[in-house]
Each structure stands twice: as structure tokens, then as C-alpha cells.
């Protein structure tokens, strides 16, 4: 099986991370955005995190149509 191309949007050089934290995977009928950030209530209530999630939803929606 061929894996879809992944475009990394955000990465880290933290030693405990693989590197990519956010990526988009364009598929024939849709766009998949993956975020691997945010653990716990503090992250989910942070306005910056909320803006990132909202922007990812808008981005994916605009690419899918």
C-alpha cells in the first residue's frame, strides 16, 4: 500500500519527540490535518491552542471543497 504524501506544518527538535507535531495529508476526497499537541485542561483552554485548532479546521475545509 502506498502511503499518502504528508506535508509537515509544525515540527520540534525536542529530544523526546519524533519531530513532526502537525501535518496535513491531502487525500483524493478530503484533507486530513493531524495535531499532536495539547494535553490536559490547560492546553485546551489556551487561546493560542484554540486558534491553532480553529485555523486547522478552516484550512482543511477550504482544501476539501
C-alpha atoms as a PDB file:
ATOM      1  CA  UNK A   1       0.000   0.000   0.000  1.00  0.00           C
ATOM      2  CA  UNK A   2       1.315   3.442  -0.923  1.00  0.00           C
ATOM      3  CA  UNK A   3       1.178   5.956   1.908  1.00  0.00           C
ATOM      4  CA  UNK A   4      -0.164   9.434   1.113  1.00  0.00           C
ATOM      5  CA  UNK A   5       2.213  12.378   0.908  1.00  0.00           C
ATOM      6  CA  UNK A   6       2.390  14.286   4.183  1.00  0.00           C
ATOM      7  CA  UNK A   7       3.214  17.999   4.396  1.00  0.00           C
ATOM      8  CA  UNK A   8       4.674  18.864   7.807  1.00  0.00           C
ATOM      9  CA  UNK A   9       3.371  22.215   9.068  1.00  0.00           C
ATOM     10  CA  UNK A  10       4.959  22.259  12.528  1.00  0.00           C
ATOM     11  CA  UNK A  11       7.912  20.360  13.960  1.00  0.00           C
ATOM     12  CA  UNK A  12      10.096  20.371  17.069  1.00  0.00           C
ATOM     13  CA  UNK A  13      13.656  19.426  17.850  1.00  0.00           C
ATOM     14  CA  UNK A  14      12.792  18.288  21.393  1.00  0.00           C
ATOM     15  CA  UNK A  15      14.773  15.092  22.132  1.00  0.00           C
ATOM     16  CA  UNK A  16      11.672  13.173  23.264  1.00  0.00           C
ATOM     17  CA  UNK A  17       9.769  13.887  20.059  1.00  0.00           C
ATOM     18  CA  UNK A  18       9.921  12.362  16.577  1.00  0.00           C
ATOM     19  CA  UNK A  19       9.900  15.888  15.148  1.00  0.00           C
ATOM     20  CA  UNK A  20       6.606  16.463  13.317  1.00  0.00           C
ATOM     21  CA  UNK A  21       3.837  17.852  15.545  1.00  0.00           C
ATOM     22  CA  UNK A  22       1.331  18.981  12.928  1.00  0.00           C
ATOM     23  CA  UNK A  23       0.889  17.812   9.390  1.00  0.00           C
ATOM     24  CA  UNK A  24      -1.621  17.714   6.605  1.00  0.00           C
ATOM     25  CA  UNK A  25      -2.268  14.723   4.413  1.00  0.00           C
ATOM     26  CA  UNK A  26      -4.161  15.579   1.236  1.00  0.00           C
ATOM     27  CA  UNK A  27      -6.273  12.634   0.103  1.00  0.00           C
ATOM     28  CA  UNK A  28      -8.293  12.391  -3.117  1.00  0.00           C
ATOM     29  CA  UNK A  29     -11.626  13.231  -1.464  1.00  0.00           C
ATOM     30  CA  UNK A  30     -10.540  15.119   1.662  1.00  0.00           C
ATOM     31  CA  UNK A  31      -7.748  16.735   3.660  1.00  0.00           C
ATOM     32  CA  UNK A  32      -6.584  15.311   6.978  1.00  0.00           C
ATOM     33  CA  UNK A  33      -4.907  17.626   9.499  1.00  0.00           C
ATOM     34  CA  UNK A  34      -3.160  15.944  12.440  1.00  0.00           C
ATOM     35  CA  UNK A  35      -2.185  17.859  15.598  1.00  0.00           C
ATOM     36  CA  UNK A  36      -0.130  16.126  18.255  1.00  0.00           C
ATOM     37  CA  UNK A  37      -0.170  18.893  20.805  1.00  0.00           C
ATOM     38  CA  UNK A  38      -2.256  19.660  23.828  1.00  0.00           C
ATOM     39  CA  UNK A  39      -2.533  17.546  26.930  1.00  0.00           C
ATOM     40  CA  UNK A  40      -4.817  18.480  29.765  1.00  0.00           C
ATOM     41  CA  UNK A  41      -7.218  21.285  30.505  1.00  0.00           C
ATOM     42  CA  UNK A  42      -4.544  23.984  30.454  1.00  0.00           C
ATOM     43  CA  UNK A  43      -3.658  23.274  26.847  1.00  0.00           C
ATOM     44  CA  UNK A  44      -7.261  23.046  25.687  1.00  0.00           C
ATOM     45  CA  UNK A  45      -8.259  26.353  27.270  1.00  0.00           C
ATOM     46  CA  UNK A  46      -5.222  28.240  25.928  1.00  0.00           C
ATOM     47  CA  UNK A  47      -6.353  30.828  23.333  1.00  0.00           C
ATOM     48  CA  UNK A  48      -3.319  30.049  21.141  1.00  0.00           C
ATOM     49  CA  UNK A  49      -4.223  26.333  21.048  1.00  0.00           C
ATOM     50  CA  UNK A  50      -7.846  27.171  20.279  1.00  0.00           C
ATOM     51  CA  UNK A  51      -6.758  29.443  17.412  1.00  0.00           C
ATOM     52  CA  UNK A  52      -4.471  26.696  16.045  1.00  0.00           C
ATOM     53  CA  UNK A  53      -7.301  24.149  16.083  1.00  0.00           C
ATOM     54  CA  UNK A  54      -9.754  26.619  14.540  1.00  0.00           C
ATOM     55  CA  UNK A  55      -7.255  27.513  11.787  1.00  0.00           C
ATOM     56  CA  UNK A  56      -6.637  23.819  11.059  1.00  0.00           C
ATOM     57  CA  UNK A  57     -10.370  23.230  10.657  1.00  0.00           C
ATOM     58  CA  UNK A  58     -10.750  26.213   8.328  1.00  0.00           C
ATOM     59  CA  UNK A  59      -7.664  25.153   6.341  1.00  0.00           C
ATOM     60  CA  UNK A  60      -8.864  21.577   5.922  1.00  0.00           C
ATOM     61  CA  UNK A  61     -12.345  22.762   4.974  1.00  0.00           C
ATOM     62  CA  UNK A  62     -11.039  25.132   2.339  1.00  0.00           C
ATOM     63  CA  UNK A  63      -8.841  22.429   0.773  1.00  0.00           C
ATOM     64  CA  UNK A  64     -11.592  19.796   0.731  1.00  0.00           C
ATOM     65  CA  UNK A  65     -14.056  21.828  -1.302  1.00  0.00           C
END
